[in-house]
Amino acid sequence: MNSIVKFFTLTTRQTDSLLKWLGTAVTLAGAVLTSLAIDPVNVYLFNAGSLLFLIWAVRIRDTALIAVNAGLLTIYAVGTVRALMA
């Protein structure tokens, strides 16, 4: 394996940690933008954060987190579509 590929290769644990913390940061950014009434970027960030958390939850096989994040992603996606159609 060449050194560039080896540099960019993450372990399963590192990938899970990256997804979890990236989801946290994106969701918090969405919350900050919501508190500042910056629309619709806040909704896009909530969608992205929920998707990252959903991917992480599937990877760690936590059904409660899968249900919460799938539900949130559905709610945010419906809201996004409705806002785009208005």
C-alpha atoms as a PDB file:
ATOM      1  CA  MET A   1       0.000   0.000   0.000  1.00  0.00           C
ATOM      2  CA  ASN A   2       1.490   3.348  -0.967  1.00  0.00           C
ATOM      3  CA  SER A   3       1.942   6.041   1.668  1.00  0.00           C
ATOM      4  CA  ILE A   4      -0.798   8.357   0.328  1.00  0.00           C
ATOM      5  CA  VAL A   5      -3.493   5.665   0.494  1.00  0.00           C
ATOM      6  CA  LYS A   6      -2.245   4.599   3.913  1.00  0.00           C
ATOM      7  CA  PHE A   7      -2.427   8.221   5.124  1.00  0.00           C
ATOM      8  CA  PHE A   8      -6.088   8.554   4.118  1.00  0.00           C
ATOM      9  CA  THR A   9      -7.182   5.158   5.423  1.00  0.00           C
ATOM     10  CA  LEU A  10      -9.253   5.272   8.599  1.00  0.00           C
ATOM     11  CA  THR A  11     -10.065   2.410  10.916  1.00  0.00           C
ATOM     12  CA  THR A  12     -13.711   1.548  11.574  1.00  0.00           C
ATOM     13  CA  ARG A  13     -13.469   3.166  14.990  1.00  0.00           C
ATOM     14  CA  GLN A  14     -11.947   6.350  13.538  1.00  0.00           C
ATOM     15  CA  THR A  15     -14.638   6.517  10.851  1.00  0.00           C
ATOM     16  CA  ASP A  16     -17.402   6.096  13.439  1.00  0.00           C
ATOM     17  CA  SER A  17     -15.861   8.794  15.628  1.00  0.00           C
ATOM     18  CA  LEU A  18     -15.506  11.150  12.658  1.00  0.00           C
ATOM     19  CA  LEU A  19     -19.152  10.654  11.635  1.00  0.00           C
ATOM     20  CA  LYS A  20     -20.364  11.178  15.214  1.00  0.00           C
ATOM     21  CA  TRP A  21     -18.403  14.387  15.812  1.00  0.00           C
ATOM     22  CA  LEU A  22     -19.041  15.797  12.357  1.00  0.00           C
ATOM     23  CA  GLY A  23     -22.762  15.166  12.894  1.00  0.00           C
ATOM     24  CA  THR A  24     -22.525  16.922  16.256  1.00  0.00           C
ATOM     25  CA  ALA A  25     -20.756  19.967  14.793  1.00  0.00           C
ATOM     26  CA  VAL A  26     -23.139  20.275  11.834  1.00  0.00           C
ATOM     27  CA  THR A  27     -26.230  19.919  14.052  1.00  0.00           C
ATOM     28  CA  LEU A  28     -24.919  22.536  16.490  1.00  0.00           C
ATOM     29  CA  ALA A  29     -24.190  24.877  13.582  1.00  0.00           C
ATOM     30  CA  GLY A  30     -27.789  24.391  12.445  1.00  0.00           C
ATOM     31  CA  ALA A  31     -29.010  25.271  15.941  1.00  0.00           C
ATOM     32  CA  VAL A  32     -26.871  28.428  16.016  1.00  0.00           C
ATOM     33  CA  LEU A  33     -28.248  29.511  12.643  1.00  0.00           C
ATOM     34  CA  THR A  34     -31.787  28.807  13.859  1.00  0.00           C
ATOM     35  CA  SER A  35     -31.233  31.024  16.900  1.00  0.00           C
ATOM     36  CA  LEU A  36     -29.998  33.759  14.560  1.00  0.00           C
ATOM     37  CA  ALA A  37     -32.996  33.241  12.217  1.00  0.00           C
ATOM     38  CA  ILE A  38     -30.775  32.416   9.251  1.00  0.00           C
ATOM     39  CA  ASP A  39     -33.050  30.484   6.928  1.00  0.00           C
ATOM     40  CA  PRO A  40     -32.941  28.152   4.984  1.00  0.00           C
ATOM     41  CA  VAL A  41     -29.294  27.278   5.646  1.00  0.00           C
ATOM     42  CA  ASN A  42     -30.186  26.154   9.168  1.00  0.00           C
ATOM     43  CA  VAL A  43     -32.579  23.530   7.796  1.00  0.00           C
ATOM     44  CA  TYR A  44     -29.968  22.267   5.339  1.00  0.00           C
ATOM     45  CA  LEU A  45     -27.504  21.851   8.201  1.00  0.00           C
ATOM     46  CA  PHE A  46     -30.097  19.998  10.291  1.00  0.00           C
ATOM     47  CA  ASN A  47     -30.686  17.670   7.325  1.00  0.00           C
ATOM     48  CA  ALA A  48     -26.950  17.066   6.941  1.00  0.00           C
ATOM     49  CA  GLY A  49     -26.464  16.528  10.688  1.00  0.00           C
ATOM     50  CA  SER A  50     -29.350  14.056  10.865  1.00  0.00           C
ATOM     51  CA  LEU A  51     -28.001  12.182   7.856  1.00  0.00           C
ATOM     52  CA  LEU A  52     -24.529  11.938   9.417  1.00  0.00           C
ATOM     53  CA  PHE A  53     -26.006  10.716  12.703  1.00  0.00           C
ATOM     54  CA  LEU A  54     -28.210   8.226  10.834  1.00  0.00           C
ATOM     55  CA  ILE A  55     -25.208   6.806   8.989  1.00  0.00           C
ATOM     56  CA  TRP A  56     -23.316   6.542  12.283  1.00  0.00           C
ATOM     57  CA  ALA A  57     -26.290   4.901  14.037  1.00  0.00           C
ATOM     58  CA  VAL A  58     -26.608   2.305  11.266  1.00  0.00           C
ATOM     59  CA  ARG A  59     -22.880   1.584  11.462  1.00  0.00           C
ATOM     60  CA  ILE A  60     -23.019   1.004  15.237  1.00  0.00           C
ATOM     61  CA  ARG A  61     -26.381  -0.812  14.963  1.00  0.00           C
ATOM     62  CA  ASP A  62     -28.212   1.285  17.576  1.00  0.00           C
ATOM     63  CA  THR A  63     -31.909   0.977  16.744  1.00  0.00           C
ATOM     64  CA  ALA A  64     -33.035   3.819  19.024  1.00  0.00           C
ATOM     65  CA  LEU A  65     -30.628   6.241  17.353  1.00  0.00           C
ATOM     66  CA  ILE A  66     -31.640   4.947  13.927  1.00  0.00           C
ATOM     67  CA  ALA A  67     -35.318   5.612  14.733  1.00  0.00           C
ATOM     68  CA  VAL A  68     -34.681   9.113  16.106  1.00  0.00           C
ATOM     69  CA  ASN A  69     -32.432  10.215  13.273  1.00  0.00           C
ATOM     70  CA  ALA A  70     -34.535   8.647  10.528  1.00  0.00           C
ATOM     71  CA  GLY A  71     -37.559  10.428  11.995  1.00  0.00           C
ATOM     72  CA  LEU A  72     -35.747  13.758  12.248  1.00  0.00           C
ATOM     73  CA  LEU A  73     -34.358  13.436   8.743  1.00  0.00           C
ATOM     74  CA  THR A  74     -37.848  12.718   7.406  1.00  0.00           C
ATOM     75  CA  ILE A  75     -39.313  15.723   9.231  1.00  0.00           C
ATOM     76  CA  TYR A  76     -36.521  18.048   8.079  1.00  0.00           C
ATOM     77  CA  ALA A  77     -36.687  16.745   4.495  1.00  0.00           C
ATOM     78  CA  VAL A  78     -40.453  17.265   4.285  1.00  0.00           C
ATOM     79  CA  GLY A  79     -40.019  20.786   5.654  1.00  0.00           C
ATOM     80  CA  THR A  80     -37.274  21.503   3.131  1.00  0.00           C
ATOM     81  CA  VAL A  81     -39.380  20.284   0.211  1.00  0.00           C
ATOM     82  CA  ARG A  82     -42.404  22.297   1.387  1.00  0.00           C
ATOM     83  CA  ALA A  83     -40.255  25.428   1.747  1.00  0.00           C
ATOM     84  CA  LEU A  84     -38.784  24.977  -1.723  1.00  0.00           C
ATOM     85  CA  MET A  85     -42.239  24.536  -3.248  1.00  0.00           C
ATOM     86  CA  ALA A  86     -43.659  27.675  -1.587  1.00  0.00           C
END
